[in-house]
Amino acid sequence: MDRALVRALRARAVDVTTALEADLIETSDERHLEFAASEGRVLYTFNVADFYHLHTLYAERGKHHAGMVLSQQQEYSVGEQMRRLLRLINDLSAEEMKDRVEFLSSWG
């Protein structure tokens, strides 16, 4: 996660936790999702294929998560990521994000 994006979101009162801050570096993707789910946090990642697959597995197993936002890495500038994420945050409630996958590309 780009530090500039984290700072920009926090400056706009968005509660952000990074994998580094949560001591999740070099842990499995499933562990990242388990942590996010246990904390009620929407997970934002560039690892589209693996996390979409995990979303599918969660649904098949009746497991729940707080939501995912997926994006291709280096597709958007920090400013564009921030604008799109803020649009999504303003349009969808935490309840609406539960067990949902959103693609950042849809929020332009």
PDB file of N, CA and C in Angstrom:
ATOM      1  N   MET A   1       0.856  -1.174   0.000  1.00  0.00           N
ATOM      2  CA  MET A   1       0.000   0.000   0.000  1.00  0.00           C
ATOM      3  C   MET A   1       0.897   1.230   0.000  1.00  0.00           C
ATOM      4  N   ASP A   2       0.615   2.117  -0.889  1.00  0.00           N
ATOM      5  CA  ASP A   2       1.395   3.351  -1.010  1.00  0.00           C
ATOM      6  C   ASP A   2       1.168   4.228   0.212  1.00  0.00           C
ATOM      7  N   ARG A   3       2.260   4.643   0.838  1.00  0.00           N
ATOM      8  CA  ARG A   3       2.149   5.470   2.048  1.00  0.00           C
ATOM      9  C   ARG A   3       1.411   6.775   1.788  1.00  0.00           C
ATOM     10  N   ALA A   4       1.600   7.329   0.598  1.00  0.00           N
ATOM     11  CA  ALA A   4       0.909   8.584   0.268  1.00  0.00           C
ATOM     12  C   ALA A   4      -0.602   8.375   0.241  1.00  0.00           C
ATOM     13  N   LEU A   5      -1.040   7.245  -0.276  1.00  0.00           N
ATOM     14  CA  LEU A   5      -2.475   6.947  -0.301  1.00  0.00           C
ATOM     15  C   LEU A   5      -3.003   6.772   1.117  1.00  0.00           C
ATOM     16  N   VAL A   6      -2.279   6.055   1.945  1.00  0.00           N
ATOM     17  CA  VAL A   6      -2.686   5.854   3.334  1.00  0.00           C
ATOM     18  C   VAL A   6      -2.810   7.200   4.042  1.00  0.00           C
ATOM     19  N   ARG A   7      -1.798   8.064   3.890  1.00  0.00           N
ATOM     20  CA  ARG A   7      -1.849   9.392   4.529  1.00  0.00           C
ATOM     21  C   ARG A   7      -3.035  10.199   4.011  1.00  0.00           C
ATOM     22  N   ALA A   8      -3.262  10.166   2.695  1.00  0.00           N
ATOM     23  CA  ALA A   8      -4.354  10.946   2.110  1.00  0.00           C
ATOM     24  C   ALA A   8      -5.709  10.465   2.619  1.00  0.00           C
ATOM     25  N   LEU A   9      -5.895   9.163   2.714  1.00  0.00           N
ATOM     26  CA  LEU A   9      -7.162   8.636   3.225  1.00  0.00           C
ATOM     27  C   LEU A   9      -7.343   8.976   4.701  1.00  0.00           C
ATOM     28  N   ARG A  10      -6.282   8.837   5.478  1.00  0.00           N
ATOM     29  CA  ARG A  10      -6.381   9.171   6.904  1.00  0.00           C
ATOM     30  C   ARG A  10      -6.661  10.651   7.104  1.00  0.00           C
ATOM     31  N   ALA A  11      -6.101  11.495   6.246  1.00  0.00           N
ATOM     32  CA  ALA A  11      -6.359  12.937   6.334  1.00  0.00           C
ATOM     33  C   ALA A  11      -7.826  13.244   6.082  1.00  0.00           C
ATOM     34  N   ARG A  12      -8.517  12.329   5.432  1.00  0.00           N
ATOM     35  CA  ARG A  12      -9.948  12.485   5.152  1.00  0.00           C
ATOM     36  C   ARG A  12     -10.792  11.622   6.085  1.00  0.00           C
ATOM     37  N   ALA A  13     -10.212  11.271   7.219  1.00  0.00           N
ATOM     38  CA  ALA A  13     -10.896  10.542   8.301  1.00  0.00           C
ATOM     39  C   ALA A  13     -11.308   9.120   7.922  1.00  0.00           C
ATOM     40  N   VAL A  14     -10.593   8.506   6.994  1.00  0.00           N
ATOM     41  CA  VAL A  14     -10.847   7.103   6.667  1.00  0.00           C
ATOM     42  C   VAL A  14      -9.968   6.251   7.573  1.00  0.00           C
ATOM     43  N   ASP A  15     -10.570   5.292   8.248  1.00  0.00           N
ATOM     44  CA  ASP A  15      -9.862   4.400   9.161  1.00  0.00           C
ATOM     45  C   ASP A  15      -9.151   3.331   8.332  1.00  0.00           C
ATOM     46  N   VAL A  16      -7.830   3.449   8.220  1.00  0.00           N
ATOM     47  CA  VAL A  16      -7.026   2.564   7.381  1.00  0.00           C
ATOM     48  C   VAL A  16      -6.016   1.825   8.243  1.00  0.00           C
ATOM     49  N   THR A  17      -5.889   0.534   8.000  1.00  0.00           N
ATOM     50  CA  THR A  17      -4.832  -0.274   8.600  1.00  0.00           C
ATOM     51  C   THR A  17      -4.121  -0.988   7.465  1.00  0.00           C
ATOM     52  N   THR A  18      -2.812  -0.939   7.454  1.00  0.00           N
ATOM     53  CA  THR A  18      -2.049  -1.614   6.402  1.00  0.00           C
ATOM     54  C   THR A  18      -1.629  -3.008   6.863  1.00  0.00           C
ATOM     55  N   ALA A  19      -1.264  -3.836   5.902  1.00  0.00           N
ATOM     56  CA  ALA A  19      -0.764  -5.171   6.222  1.00  0.00           C
ATOM     57  C   ALA A  19       0.487  -5.075   7.091  1.00  0.00           C
ATOM     58  N   LEU A  20       1.320  -4.093   6.821  1.00  0.00           N
ATOM     59  CA  LEU A  20       2.532  -3.900   7.618  1.00  0.00           C
ATOM     60  C   LEU A  20       2.176  -3.582   9.069  1.00  0.00           C
ATOM     61  N   GLU A  21       1.237  -2.660   9.272  1.00  0.00           N
ATOM     62  CA  GLU A  21       0.822  -2.286  10.624  1.00  0.00           C
ATOM     63  C   GLU A  21       0.174  -3.456  11.368  1.00  0.00           C
ATOM     64  N   ALA A  22      -0.503  -4.327  10.629  1.00  0.00           N
ATOM     65  CA  ALA A  22      -1.188  -5.474  11.235  1.00  0.00           C
ATOM     66  C   ALA A  22      -0.268  -6.691  11.342  1.00  0.00           C
ATOM     67  N   ASP A  23       1.015  -6.508  11.007  1.00  0.00           N
ATOM     68  CA  ASP A  23       2.009  -7.581  11.066  1.00  0.00           C
ATOM     69  C   ASP A  23       1.587  -8.778  10.205  1.00  0.00           C
ATOM     70  N   LEU A  24       1.129  -8.478   8.990  1.00  0.00           N
ATOM     71  CA  LEU A  24       0.675  -9.525   8.076  1.00  0.00           C
ATOM     72  C   LEU A  24       1.602  -9.733   6.873  1.00  0.00           C
ATOM     73  N   ILE A  25       2.706  -9.022   6.840  1.00  0.00           N
ATOM     74  CA  ILE A  25       3.634  -9.182   5.731  1.00  0.00           C
ATOM     75  C   ILE A  25       4.165 -10.625   5.747  1.00  0.00           C
ATOM     76  N   GLU A  26       4.213 -11.221   4.572  1.00  0.00           N
ATOM     77  CA  GLU A  26       4.669 -12.601   4.381  1.00  0.00           C
ATOM     78  C   GLU A  26       3.739 -13.629   5.021  1.00  0.00           C
ATOM     79  N   THR A  27       2.463 -13.274   5.175  1.00  0.00           N
ATOM     80  CA  THR A  27       1.470 -14.262   5.591  1.00  0.00           C
ATOM     81  C   THR A  27       0.574 -14.550   4.395  1.00  0.00           C
ATOM     82  N   SER A  28      -0.201 -15.587   4.492  1.00  0.00           N
ATOM     83  CA  SER A  28      -1.037 -16.016   3.372  1.00  0.00           C
ATOM     84  C   SER A  28      -2.153 -15.011   3.074  1.00  0.00           C
ATOM     85  N   ASP A  29      -2.632 -15.065   1.844  1.00  0.00           N
ATOM     86  CA  ASP A  29      -3.764 -14.221   1.460  1.00  0.00           C
ATOM     87  C   ASP A  29      -4.969 -14.525   2.341  1.00  0.00           C
ATOM     88  N   GLU A  30      -5.167 -15.808   2.626  1.00  0.00           N
ATOM     89  CA  GLU A  30      -6.299 -16.181   3.471  1.00  0.00           C
ATOM     90  C   GLU A  30      -6.176 -15.552   4.865  1.00  0.00           C
ATOM     91  N   ARG A  31      -4.966 -15.471   5.391  1.00  0.00           N
ATOM     92  CA  ARG A  31      -4.759 -14.831   6.696  1.00  0.00           C
ATOM     93  C   ARG A  31      -5.106 -13.346   6.636  1.00  0.00           C
ATOM     94  N   HIS A  32      -4.748 -12.682   5.528  1.00  0.00           N
ATOM     95  CA  HIS A  32      -5.107 -11.270   5.347  1.00  0.00           C
ATOM     96  C   HIS A  32      -6.627 -11.105   5.387  1.00  0.00           C
ATOM     97  N   LEU A  33      -7.321 -11.974   4.667  1.00  0.00           N
ATOM     98  CA  LEU A  33      -8.778 -11.869   4.622  1.00  0.00           C
ATOM     99  C   LEU A  33      -9.391 -12.215   5.974  1.00  0.00           C
ATOM    100  N   GLU A  34      -8.855 -13.204   6.649  1.00  0.00           N
ATOM    101  CA  GLU A  34      -9.352 -13.559   7.981  1.00  0.00           C
ATOM    102  C   GLU A  34      -9.193 -12.376   8.943  1.00  0.00           C
ATOM    103  N   PHE A  35      -8.044 -11.721   8.885  1.00  0.00           N
ATOM    104  CA  PHE A  35      -7.822 -10.562   9.746  1.00  0.00           C
ATOM    105  C   PHE A  35      -8.831  -9.462   9.426  1.00  0.00           C
ATOM    106  N   ALA A  36      -8.967  -9.136   8.142  1.00  0.00           N
ATOM    107  CA  ALA A  36      -9.905  -8.081   7.750  1.00  0.00           C
ATOM    108  C   ALA A  36     -11.323  -8.427   8.195  1.00  0.00           C
ATOM    109  N   ALA A  37     -11.715  -9.670   7.997  1.00  0.00           N
ATOM    110  CA  ALA A  37     -13.065 -10.097   8.390  1.00  0.00           C
ATOM    111  C   ALA A  37     -13.250  -9.985   9.903  1.00  0.00           C
ATOM    112  N   SER A  38     -12.258 -10.408  10.656  1.00  0.00           N
ATOM    113  CA  SER A  38     -12.380 -10.374  12.121  1.00  0.00           C
ATOM    114  C   SER A  38     -12.429  -8.946  12.650  1.00  0.00           C
ATOM    115  N   GLU A  39     -11.828  -8.014  11.921  1.00  0.00           N
ATOM    116  CA  GLU A  39     -11.818  -6.603  12.310  1.00  0.00           C
ATOM    117  C   GLU A  39     -12.974  -5.814  11.690  1.00  0.00           C
ATOM    118  N   GLY A  40     -13.758  -6.464  10.834  1.00  0.00           N
ATOM    119  CA  GLY A  40     -14.849  -5.771  10.140  1.00  0.00           C
ATOM    120  C   GLY A  40     -14.338  -4.757   9.134  1.00  0.00           C
ATOM    121  N   ARG A  41     -13.187  -5.044   8.525  1.00  0.00           N
ATOM    122  CA  ARG A  41     -12.551  -4.114   7.592  1.00  0.00           C
ATOM    123  C   ARG A  41     -12.690  -4.594   6.153  1.00  0.00           C
ATOM    124  N   VAL A  42     -12.977  -3.652   5.280  1.00  0.00           N
ATOM    125  CA  VAL A  42     -12.968  -3.932   3.848  1.00  0.00           C
ATOM    126  C   VAL A  42     -11.508  -4.034   3.422  1.00  0.00           C
ATOM    127  N   LEU A  43     -11.194  -5.040   2.644  1.00  0.00           N
ATOM    128  CA  LEU A  43      -9.823  -5.281   2.201  1.00  0.00           C
ATOM    129  C   LEU A  43      -9.624  -4.671   0.817  1.00  0.00           C
ATOM    130  N   TYR A  44      -8.587  -3.866   0.658  1.00  0.00           N
ATOM    131  CA  TYR A  44      -8.230  -3.264  -0.630  1.00  0.00           C
ATOM    132  C   TYR A  44      -6.929  -3.897  -1.090  1.00  0.00           C
ATOM    133  N   THR A  45      -6.934  -4.478  -2.285  1.00  0.00           N
ATOM    134  CA  THR A  45      -5.757  -5.190  -2.761  1.00  0.00           C
ATOM    135  C   THR A  45      -5.609  -5.102  -4.270  1.00  0.00           C
ATOM    136  N   PHE A  46      -4.361  -5.256  -4.703  1.00  0.00           N
ATOM    137  CA  PHE A  46      -4.046  -5.344  -6.128  1.00  0.00           C
ATOM    138  C   PHE A  46      -3.969  -6.802  -6.580  1.00  0.00           C
ATOM    139  N   ASN A  47      -4.090  -7.712  -5.654  1.00  0.00           N
ATOM    140  CA  ASN A  47      -4.000  -9.143  -5.950  1.00  0.00           C
ATOM    141  C   ASN A  47      -5.385  -9.661  -6.359  1.00  0.00           C
ATOM    142  N   VAL A  48      -5.808  -9.245  -7.532  1.00  0.00           N
ATOM    143  CA  VAL A  48      -7.185  -9.456  -7.984  1.00  0.00           C
ATOM    144  C   VAL A  48      -7.548 -10.931  -8.067  1.00  0.00           C
ATOM    145  N   ALA A  49      -6.781 -11.703  -8.786  1.00  0.00           N
ATOM    146  CA  ALA A  49      -7.147 -13.106  -9.032  1.00  0.00           C
ATOM    147  C   ALA A  49      -7.223 -13.915  -7.744  1.00  0.00           C
ATOM    148  N   ASP A  50      -6.210 -13.801  -6.910  1.00  0.00           N
ATOM    149  CA  ASP A  50      -6.190 -14.611  -5.689  1.00  0.00           C
ATOM    150  C   ASP A  50      -7.310 -14.231  -4.723  1.00  0.00           C
ATOM    151  N   PHE A  51      -7.563 -12.937  -4.572  1.00  0.00           N
ATOM    152  CA  PHE A  51      -8.598 -12.534  -3.621  1.00  0.00           C
ATOM    153  C   PHE A  51     -10.004 -12.755  -4.176  1.00  0.00           C
ATOM    154  N   TYR A  52     -10.185 -12.659  -5.481  1.00  0.00           N
ATOM    155  CA  TYR A  52     -11.500 -13.003  -6.035  1.00  0.00           C
ATOM    156  C   TYR A  52     -11.766 -14.492  -5.813  1.00  0.00           C
ATOM    157  N   HIS A  53     -10.723 -15.286  -5.981  1.00  0.00           N
ATOM    158  CA  HIS A  53     -10.852 -16.727  -5.710  1.00  0.00           C
ATOM    159  C   HIS A  53     -11.214 -16.962  -4.236  1.00  0.00           C
ATOM    160  N   LEU A  54     -10.548 -16.267  -3.320  1.00  0.00           N
ATOM    161  CA  LEU A  54     -10.879 -16.406  -1.897  1.00  0.00           C
ATOM    162  C   LEU A  54     -12.312 -15.983  -1.610  1.00  0.00           C
ATOM    163  N   HIS A  55     -12.763 -14.917  -2.260  1.00  0.00           N
ATOM    164  CA  HIS A  55     -14.157 -14.477  -2.107  1.00  0.00           C
ATOM    165  C   HIS A  55     -15.102 -15.610  -2.506  1.00  0.00           C
ATOM    166  N   THR A  56     -14.810 -16.255  -3.611  1.00  0.00           N
ATOM    167  CA  THR A  56     -15.630 -17.375  -4.097  1.00  0.00           C
ATOM    168  C   THR A  56     -15.620 -18.530  -3.095  1.00  0.00           C
ATOM    169  N   LEU A  57     -14.449 -18.866  -2.578  1.00  0.00           N
ATOM    170  CA  LEU A  57     -14.354 -19.933  -1.575  1.00  0.00           C
ATOM    171  C   LEU A  57     -15.140 -19.590  -0.315  1.00  0.00           C
ATOM    172  N   TYR A  58     -15.040 -18.340   0.125  1.00  0.00           N
ATOM    173  CA  TYR A  58     -15.801 -17.915   1.300  1.00  0.00           C
ATOM    174  C   TYR A  58     -17.297 -18.113   1.054  1.00  0.00           C
ATOM    175  N   ALA A  59     -17.771 -17.704  -0.092  1.00  0.00           N
ATOM    176  CA  ALA A  59     -19.198 -17.839  -0.406  1.00  0.00           C
ATOM    177  C   ALA A  59     -19.611 -19.310  -0.420  1.00  0.00           C
ATOM    178  N   GLU A  60     -18.800 -20.152  -1.039  1.00  0.00           N
ATOM    179  CA  GLU A  60     -19.110 -21.584  -1.107  1.00  0.00           C
ATOM    180  C   GLU A  60     -19.147 -22.224   0.278  1.00  0.00           C
ATOM    181  N   ARG A  61     -18.310 -21.740   1.181  1.00  0.00           N
ATOM    182  CA  ARG A  61     -18.211 -22.310   2.531  1.00  0.00           C
ATOM    183  C   ARG A  61     -19.139 -21.641   3.531  1.00  0.00           C
ATOM    184  N   GLY A  62     -19.893 -20.632   3.088  1.00  0.00           N
ATOM    185  CA  GLY A  62     -20.792 -19.919   3.980  1.00  0.00           C
ATOM    186  C   GLY A  62     -20.061 -19.006   4.948  1.00  0.00           C
ATOM    187  N   LYS A  63     -18.820 -18.667   4.618  1.00  0.00           N
ATOM    188  CA  LYS A  63     -18.040 -17.753   5.451  1.00  0.00           C
ATOM    189  C   LYS A  63     -18.294 -16.321   4.989  1.00  0.00           C
ATOM    190  N   HIS A  64     -18.068 -15.379   5.872  1.00  0.00           N
ATOM    191  CA  HIS A  64     -18.370 -13.985   5.566  1.00  0.00           C
ATOM    192  C   HIS A  64     -17.139 -13.105   5.719  1.00  0.00           C
ATOM    193  N   HIS A  65     -17.141 -12.022   4.973  1.00  0.00           N
ATOM    194  CA  HIS A  65     -16.090 -11.003   5.089  1.00  0.00           C
ATOM    195  C   HIS A  65     -16.747  -9.636   4.969  1.00  0.00           C
ATOM    196  N   ALA A  66     -15.999  -8.604   5.297  1.00  0.00           N
ATOM    197  CA  ALA A  66     -16.551  -7.246   5.326  1.00  0.00           C
ATOM    198  C   ALA A  66     -16.544  -6.576   3.967  1.00  0.00           C
ATOM    199  N   GLY A  67     -16.014  -7.241   2.953  1.00  0.00           N
ATOM    200  CA  GLY A  67     -15.983  -6.699   1.604  1.00  0.00           C
ATOM    201  C   GLY A  67     -14.563  -6.597   1.083  1.00  0.00           C
ATOM    202  N   MET A  68     -14.468  -6.498  -0.239  1.00  0.00           N
ATOM    203  CA  MET A  68     -13.176  -6.357  -0.900  1.00  0.00           C
ATOM    204  C   MET A  68     -13.281  -5.306  -1.993  1.00  0.00           C
ATOM    205  N   VAL A  69     -12.198  -4.568  -2.153  1.00  0.00           N
ATOM    206  CA  VAL A  69     -12.037  -3.663  -3.290  1.00  0.00           C
ATOM    207  C   VAL A  69     -10.795  -4.146  -4.019  1.00  0.00           C
ATOM    208  N   LEU A  70     -10.966  -4.492  -5.278  1.00  0.00           N
ATOM    209  CA  LEU A  70      -9.876  -5.043  -6.081  1.00  0.00           C
ATOM    210  C   LEU A  70      -9.494  -4.083  -7.193  1.00  0.00           C
ATOM    211  N   SER A  71      -8.189  -3.975  -7.437  1.00  0.00           N
ATOM    212  CA  SER A  71      -7.691  -3.088  -8.485  1.00  0.00           C
ATOM    213  C   SER A  71      -6.403  -3.646  -9.065  1.00  0.00           C
ATOM    214  N   GLN A  72      -6.160  -3.359 -10.315  1.00  0.00           N
ATOM    215  CA  GLN A  72      -4.881  -3.708 -10.929  1.00  0.00           C
ATOM    216  C   GLN A  72      -3.817  -2.763 -10.398  1.00  0.00           C
ATOM    217  N   GLN A  73      -2.637  -3.297 -10.107  1.00  0.00           N
ATOM    218  CA  GLN A  73      -1.549  -2.474  -9.592  1.00  0.00           C
ATOM    219  C   GLN A  73      -1.059  -1.517 -10.665  1.00  0.00           C
ATOM    220  N   GLN A  74      -0.738  -0.319 -10.280  1.00  0.00           N
ATOM    221  CA  GLN A  74      -0.189   0.730 -11.127  1.00  0.00           C
ATOM    222  C   GLN A  74      -1.164   1.171 -12.224  1.00  0.00           C
ATOM    223  N   GLU A  75      -2.432   0.873 -12.067  1.00  0.00           N
ATOM    224  CA  GLU A  75      -3.435   1.324 -13.042  1.00  0.00           C
ATOM    225  C   GLU A  75      -3.822   2.773 -12.803  1.00  0.00           C
ATOM    226  N   TYR A  76      -3.801   3.197 -11.528  1.00  0.00           N
ATOM    227  CA  TYR A  76      -4.244   4.539 -11.175  1.00  0.00           C
ATOM    228  C   TYR A  76      -3.191   5.238 -10.320  1.00  0.00           C
ATOM    229  N   SER A  77      -3.128   6.536 -10.454  1.00  0.00           N
ATOM    230  CA  SER A  77      -2.272   7.337  -9.590  1.00  0.00           C
ATOM    231  C   SER A  77      -2.824   7.287  -8.166  1.00  0.00           C
ATOM    232  N   VAL A  78      -2.024   7.735  -7.222  1.00  0.00           N
ATOM    233  CA  VAL A  78      -2.482   7.806  -5.828  1.00  0.00           C
ATOM    234  C   VAL A  78      -3.730   8.676  -5.738  1.00  0.00           C
ATOM    235  N   GLY A  79      -3.721   9.817  -6.397  1.00  0.00           N
ATOM    236  CA  GLY A  79      -4.879  10.712  -6.357  1.00  0.00           C
ATOM    237  C   GLY A  79      -6.121  10.067  -6.929  1.00  0.00           C
ATOM    238  N   GLU A  80      -5.969   9.337  -8.027  1.00  0.00           N
ATOM    239  CA  GLU A  80      -7.126   8.674  -8.646  1.00  0.00           C
ATOM    240  C   GLU A  80      -7.623   7.529  -7.770  1.00  0.00           C
ATOM    241  N   GLN A  81      -6.721   6.777  -7.163  1.00  0.00           N
ATOM    242  CA  GLN A  81      -7.155   5.730  -6.224  1.00  0.00           C
ATOM    243  C   GLN A  81      -7.961   6.352  -5.091  1.00  0.00           C
ATOM    244  N   MET A  82      -7.436   7.436  -4.532  1.00  0.00           N
ATOM    245  CA  MET A  82      -8.114   8.097  -3.423  1.00  0.00           C
ATOM    246  C   MET A  82      -9.509   8.565  -3.841  1.00  0.00           C
ATOM    247  N   ARG A  83      -9.615   9.237  -4.991  1.00  0.00           N
ATOM    248  CA  ARG A  83     -10.921   9.727  -5.451  1.00  0.00           C
ATOM    249  C   ARG A  83     -11.917   8.582  -5.619  1.00  0.00           C
ATOM    250  N   ARG A  84     -11.472   7.510  -6.229  1.00  0.00           N
ATOM    251  CA  ARG A  84     -12.369   6.372  -6.457  1.00  0.00           C
ATOM    252  C   ARG A  84     -12.755   5.691  -5.148  1.00  0.00           C
ATOM    253  N   LEU A  85     -11.792   5.515  -4.251  1.00  0.00           N
ATOM    254  CA  LEU A  85     -12.104   4.912  -2.953  1.00  0.00           C
ATOM    255  C   LEU A  85     -13.062   5.783  -2.154  1.00  0.00           C
ATOM    256  N   LEU A  86     -12.851   7.091  -2.156  1.00  0.00           N
ATOM    257  CA  LEU A  86     -13.764   7.983  -1.431  1.00  0.00           C
ATOM    258  C   LEU A  86     -15.165   7.954  -2.031  1.00  0.00           C
ATOM    259  N   ARG A  87     -15.264   7.857  -3.336  1.00  0.00           N
ATOM    260  CA  ARG A  87     -16.582   7.756  -3.983  1.00  0.00           C
ATOM    261  C   ARG A  87     -17.280   6.475  -3.523  1.00  0.00           C
ATOM    262  N   LEU A  88     -16.549   5.384  -3.500  1.00  0.00           N
ATOM    263  CA  LEU A  88     -17.113   4.109  -3.062  1.00  0.00           C
ATOM    264  C   LEU A  88     -17.547   4.197  -1.599  1.00  0.00           C
ATOM    265  N   ILE A  89     -16.681   4.737  -0.749  1.00  0.00           N
ATOM    266  CA  ILE A  89     -16.992   4.876   0.681  1.00  0.00           C
ATOM    267  C   ILE A  89     -18.239   5.728   0.894  1.00  0.00           C
ATOM    268  N   ASN A  90     -18.392   6.772   0.107  1.00  0.00           N
ATOM    269  CA  ASN A  90     -19.560   7.649   0.253  1.00  0.00           C
ATOM    270  C   ASN A  90     -20.836   7.027  -0.279  1.00  0.00           C
ATOM    271  N   ASP A  91     -20.719   6.112  -1.244  1.00  0.00           N
ATOM    272  CA  ASP A  91     -21.909   5.538  -1.881  1.00  0.00           C
ATOM    273  C   ASP A  91     -22.389   4.230  -1.265  1.00  0.00           C
ATOM    274  N   LEU A  92     -21.484   3.465  -0.654  1.00  0.00           N
ATOM    275  CA  LEU A  92     -21.858   2.160  -0.107  1.00  0.00           C
ATOM    276  C   LEU A  92     -21.574   2.127   1.390  1.00  0.00           C
ATOM    277  N   SER A  93     -22.545   1.685   2.146  1.00  0.00           N
ATOM    278  CA  SER A  93     -22.370   1.562   3.595  1.00  0.00           C
ATOM    279  C   SER A  93     -21.564   0.307   3.919  1.00  0.00           C
ATOM    280  N   ALA A  94     -21.104   0.226   5.148  1.00  0.00           N
ATOM    281  CA  ALA A  94     -20.400  -0.971   5.600  1.00  0.00           C
ATOM    282  C   ALA A  94     -21.299  -2.195   5.462  1.00  0.00           C
ATOM    283  N   GLU A  95     -22.556  -2.025   5.763  1.00  0.00           N
ATOM    284  CA  GLU A  95     -23.510  -3.139   5.633  1.00  0.00           C
ATOM    285  C   GLU A  95     -23.637  -3.587   4.173  1.00  0.00           C
ATOM    286  N   GLU A  96     -23.686  -2.632   3.252  1.00  0.00           N
ATOM    287  CA  GLU A  96     -23.794  -2.961   1.824  1.00  0.00           C
ATOM    288  C   GLU A  96     -22.533  -3.635   1.296  1.00  0.00           C
ATOM    289  N   MET A  97     -21.396  -3.387   1.912  1.00  0.00           N
ATOM    290  CA  MET A  97     -20.131  -3.980   1.457  1.00  0.00           C
ATOM    291  C   MET A  97     -19.933  -5.414   1.936  1.00  0.00           C
ATOM    292  N   LYS A  98     -20.687  -5.851   2.926  1.00  0.00           N
ATOM    293  CA  LYS A  98     -20.496  -7.195   3.463  1.00  0.00           C
ATOM    294  C   LYS A  98     -20.621  -8.250   2.369  1.00  0.00           C
ATOM    295  N   ASP A  99     -19.611  -9.119   2.305  1.00  0.00           N
ATOM    296  CA  ASP A  99     -19.547 -10.238   1.354  1.00  0.00           C
ATOM    297  C   ASP A  99     -19.570  -9.792  -0.105  1.00  0.00           C
ATOM    298  N   ARG A 100     -19.196  -8.563  -0.347  1.00  0.00           N
ATOM    299  CA  ARG A 100     -19.261  -7.986  -1.690  1.00  0.00           C
ATOM    300  C   ARG A 100     -17.858  -7.716  -2.223  1.00  0.00           C
ATOM    301  N   VAL A 101     -17.708  -7.838  -3.523  1.00  0.00           N
ATOM    302  CA  VAL A 101     -16.465  -7.462  -4.204  1.00  0.00           C
ATOM    303  C   VAL A 101     -16.784  -6.288  -5.124  1.00  0.00           C
ATOM    304  N   GLU A 102     -15.990  -5.249  -5.000  1.00  0.00           N
ATOM    305  CA  GLU A 102     -16.096  -4.086  -5.890  1.00  0.00           C
ATOM    306  C   GLU A 102     -14.759  -3.926  -6.609  1.00  0.00           C
ATOM    307  N   PHE A 103     -14.825  -3.570  -7.858  1.00  0.00           N
ATOM    308  CA  PHE A 103     -13.628  -3.291  -8.637  1.00  0.00           C
ATOM    309  C   PHE A 103     -13.438  -1.793  -8.700  1.00  0.00           C
ATOM    310  N   LEU A 104     -12.254  -1.322  -8.346  1.00  0.00           N
ATOM    311  CA  LEU A 104     -11.979   0.118  -8.331  1.00  0.00           C
ATOM    312  C   LEU A 104     -12.270   0.745  -9.687  1.00  0.00           C
ATOM    313  N   SER A 105     -12.091  -0.020 -10.748  1.00  0.00           N
ATOM    314  CA  SER A 105     -12.327   0.501 -12.102  1.00  0.00           C
ATOM    315  C   SER A 105     -13.784   0.913 -12.299  1.00  0.00           C
ATOM    316  N   SER A 106     -14.696   0.405 -11.505  1.00  0.00           N
ATOM    317  CA  SER A 106     -16.116   0.756 -11.622  1.00  0.00           C
ATOM    318  C   SER A 106     -16.460   2.088 -10.975  1.00  0.00           C
ATOM    319  N   TRP A 107     -15.521   2.691 -10.279  1.00  0.00           N
ATOM    320  CA  TRP A 107     -15.811   3.878  -9.479  1.00  0.00           C
ATOM    321  C   TRP A 107     -15.175   5.143 -10.048  1.00  0.00           C
ATOM    322  N   GLY A 108     -15.043   5.211 -11.373  1.00  0.00           N
ATOM    323  CA  GLY A 108     -14.439   6.370 -12.039  1.00  0.00           C
ATOM    324  C   GLY A 108     -15.365   7.518 -12.234  1.00  0.00           C
TER     325      GLY A 108
END
